[in-house]
C-alpha atoms as a PDB file:
ATOM      1  CA  UNK A   1       0.010  -0.067   0.081  1.00  0.00           C
ATOM      2  CA  UNK A   2       0.981   3.815  -0.789  1.00  0.00           C
ATOM      3  CA  UNK A   3       0.169   5.728   2.555  1.00  0.00           C
ATOM      4  CA  UNK A   4       0.753   9.298   3.639  1.00  0.00           C
ATOM      5  CA  UNK A   5       0.439  10.697   6.995  1.00  0.00           C
ATOM      6  CA  UNK A   6       0.007  14.510   7.373  1.00  0.00           C
ATOM      7  CA  UNK A   7       1.040  16.006  10.827  1.00  0.00           C
ATOM      8  CA  UNK A   8       2.236  19.620  10.365  1.00  0.00           C
ATOM      9  CA  UNK A   9       1.814  20.943  13.992  1.00  0.00           C
ATOM     10  CA  UNK A  10       5.485  21.928  14.114  1.00  0.00           C
ATOM     11  CA  UNK A  11       6.190  20.578  17.681  1.00  0.00           C
ATOM     12  CA  UNK A  12       6.668  17.187  18.985  1.00  0.00           C
ATOM     13  CA  UNK A  13       4.499  15.918  21.606  1.00  0.00           C
ATOM     14  CA  UNK A  14       2.141  12.605  21.673  1.00  0.00           C
ATOM     15  CA  UNK A  15       0.215  13.095  18.609  1.00  0.00           C
ATOM     16  CA  UNK A  16       3.316  13.378  16.631  1.00  0.00           C
ATOM     17  CA  UNK A  17       5.141  10.582  18.461  1.00  0.00           C
ATOM     18  CA  UNK A  18       2.091   8.488  17.820  1.00  0.00           C
ATOM     19  CA  UNK A  19       1.956   9.041  14.164  1.00  0.00           C
ATOM     20  CA  UNK A  20       6.049   8.603  13.732  1.00  0.00           C
ATOM     21  CA  UNK A  21       5.127   5.221  15.649  1.00  0.00           C
ATOM     22  CA  UNK A  22       2.445   4.292  13.234  1.00  0.00           C
ATOM     23  CA  UNK A  23       4.212   5.279   9.994  1.00  0.00           C
ATOM     24  CA  UNK A  24       7.693   3.968  10.883  1.00  0.00           C
ATOM     25  CA  UNK A  25       5.810   0.202  11.541  1.00  0.00           C
ATOM     26  CA  UNK A  26       4.083   0.741   8.322  1.00  0.00           C
ATOM     27  CA  UNK A  27       7.281   1.570   6.789  1.00  0.00           C
ATOM     28  CA  UNK A  28       8.342  -1.858   7.267  1.00  0.00           C
ATOM     29  CA  UNK A  29       5.984  -3.420   4.749  1.00  0.00           C
ATOM     30  CA  UNK A  30       4.743  -0.511   2.716  1.00  0.00           C
ATOM     31  CA  UNK A  31       5.437   2.694   0.796  1.00  0.00           C
ATOM     32  CA  UNK A  32       4.982   5.240   3.498  1.00  0.00           C
ATOM     33  CA  UNK A  33       5.300   9.174   3.449  1.00  0.00           C
ATOM     34  CA  UNK A  34       5.203  11.410   6.671  1.00  0.00           C
ATOM     35  CA  UNK A  35       4.743  15.431   5.901  1.00  0.00           C
ATOM     36  CA  UNK A  36       5.453  17.447   8.664  1.00  0.00           C
ATOM     37  CA  UNK A  37       6.132  21.438   9.147  1.00  0.00           C
ATOM     38  CA  UNK A  38       9.266  22.648  11.079  1.00  0.00           C
ATOM     39  CA  UNK A  39       8.611  25.002  14.042  1.00  0.00           C
ATOM     40  CA  UNK A  40      10.317  27.084  16.517  1.00  0.00           C
ATOM     41  CA  UNK A  41      12.144  24.251  18.512  1.00  0.00           C
ATOM     42  CA  UNK A  42      11.545  21.250  16.131  1.00  0.00           C
ATOM     43  CA  UNK A  43      13.318  21.475  12.818  1.00  0.00           C
ATOM     44  CA  UNK A  44      14.052  18.734   9.975  1.00  0.00           C
ATOM     45  CA  UNK A  45      17.167  17.316  11.721  1.00  0.00           C
ATOM     46  CA  UNK A  46      14.899  16.406  14.820  1.00  0.00           C
ATOM     47  CA  UNK A  47      12.350  14.640  12.797  1.00  0.00           C
ATOM     48  CA  UNK A  48      14.952  12.904  10.860  1.00  0.00           C
ATOM     49  CA  UNK A  49      15.944  11.353  14.055  1.00  0.00           C
ATOM     50  CA  UNK A  50      12.585  10.059  14.681  1.00  0.00           C
ATOM     51  CA  UNK A  51      12.396   8.605  11.177  1.00  0.00           C
ATOM     52  CA  UNK A  52      13.381   4.874  10.201  1.00  0.00           C
ATOM     53  CA  UNK A  53      15.661   4.678   6.573  1.00  0.00           C
ATOM     54  CA  UNK A  54      12.638   3.270   5.117  1.00  0.00           C
ATOM     55  CA  UNK A  55      10.173   6.075   5.682  1.00  0.00           C
ATOM     56  CA  UNK A  56       9.673   9.027   3.330  1.00  0.00           C
ATOM     57  CA  UNK A  57       9.761  12.474   5.027  1.00  0.00           C
ATOM     58  CA  UNK A  58       8.655  15.443   3.700  1.00  0.00           C
ATOM     59  CA  UNK A  59       9.398  18.667   5.631  1.00  0.00           C
ATOM     60  CA  UNK A  60       7.892  21.829   5.207  1.00  0.00           C
ATOM     61  CA  UNK A  61       9.649  25.474   6.580  1.00  0.00           C
ATOM     62  CA  UNK A  62       7.412  26.727   9.379  1.00  0.00           C
ATOM     63  CA  UNK A  63       6.551  29.654   7.221  1.00  0.00           C
ATOM     64  CA  UNK A  64       4.555  27.515   5.137  1.00  0.00           C
ATOM     65  CA  UNK A  65       0.786  27.708   5.750  1.00  0.00           C
ATOM     66  CA  UNK A  66      -1.822  24.531   5.593  1.00  0.00           C
ATOM     67  CA  UNK A  67      -3.103  25.381   2.270  1.00  0.00           C
ATOM     68  CA  UNK A  68       0.875  26.183   0.373  1.00  0.00           C
ATOM     69  CA  UNK A  69       1.559  22.867   1.901  1.00  0.00           C
ATOM     70  CA  UNK A  70      -1.363  20.921   0.594  1.00  0.00           C
ATOM     71  CA  UNK A  71      -0.915  22.638  -2.963  1.00  0.00           C
ATOM     72  CA  UNK A  72       2.806  21.345  -3.015  1.00  0.00           C
ATOM     73  CA  UNK A  73       2.213  18.239  -1.762  1.00  0.00           C
ATOM     74  CA  UNK A  74       0.386  17.419  -5.058  1.00  0.00           C
ATOM     75  CA  UNK A  75       3.995  17.588  -6.889  1.00  0.00           C
ATOM     76  CA  UNK A  76       5.811  15.477  -4.124  1.00  0.00           C
ATOM     77  CA  UNK A  77       3.229  13.026  -3.199  1.00  0.00           C
ATOM     78  CA  UNK A  78       2.439   9.832  -5.875  1.00  0.00           C
ATOM     79  CA  UNK A  79      -0.986  10.568  -7.330  1.00  0.00           C
ATOM     80  CA  UNK A  80      -1.846   6.951  -6.369  1.00  0.00           C
ATOM     81  CA  UNK A  81      -1.740   6.912  -2.541  1.00  0.00           C
ATOM     82  CA  UNK A  82      -4.274   4.284  -0.818  1.00  0.00           C
ATOM     83  CA  UNK A  83      -4.473   6.213   2.345  1.00  0.00           C
ATOM     84  CA  UNK A  84      -4.074   9.685   3.189  1.00  0.00           C
ATOM     85  CA  UNK A  85      -4.427  10.140   7.072  1.00  0.00           C
ATOM     86  CA  UNK A  86      -4.155  13.531   8.499  1.00  0.00           C
ATOM     87  CA  UNK A  87      -3.516  14.138  12.280  1.00  0.00           C
ATOM     88  CA  UNK A  88      -4.519  16.950  14.366  1.00  0.00           C
ATOM     89  CA  UNK A  89      -6.701  19.817  12.954  1.00  0.00           C
ATOM     90  CA  UNK A  90      -3.860  22.007  10.888  1.00  0.00           C
ATOM     91  CA  UNK A  91      -3.902  19.197   8.471  1.00  0.00           C
END
C-alpha cells in the first residue's frame, strides 16, 4: 500500500510520537510518507532522528501555511496513494 500521514503541527508531543510510531511500523512493509512542518523548537534534523530509513519524510519550513503545503504536496506525493491520514486540526 501507499500511505501518507500529514501532521503539520510544527512540534513534538504525543500526537506526533504516535504518528511517527505508526508510520515507521507501516514502512516496514509499505511505501509510507510522513509530512511535517518545522516549528520554533523542532527542525528537520529533529524529525529525521525519529524517522526510520524506510520512511519517506517530507518536511516543510515553518513559514508555509496549511494551504501552501497541501498545494505543494500534489507535486511531491504519488497520485495513486491508497490512504491519506491527517492528524490534528491543522492538517
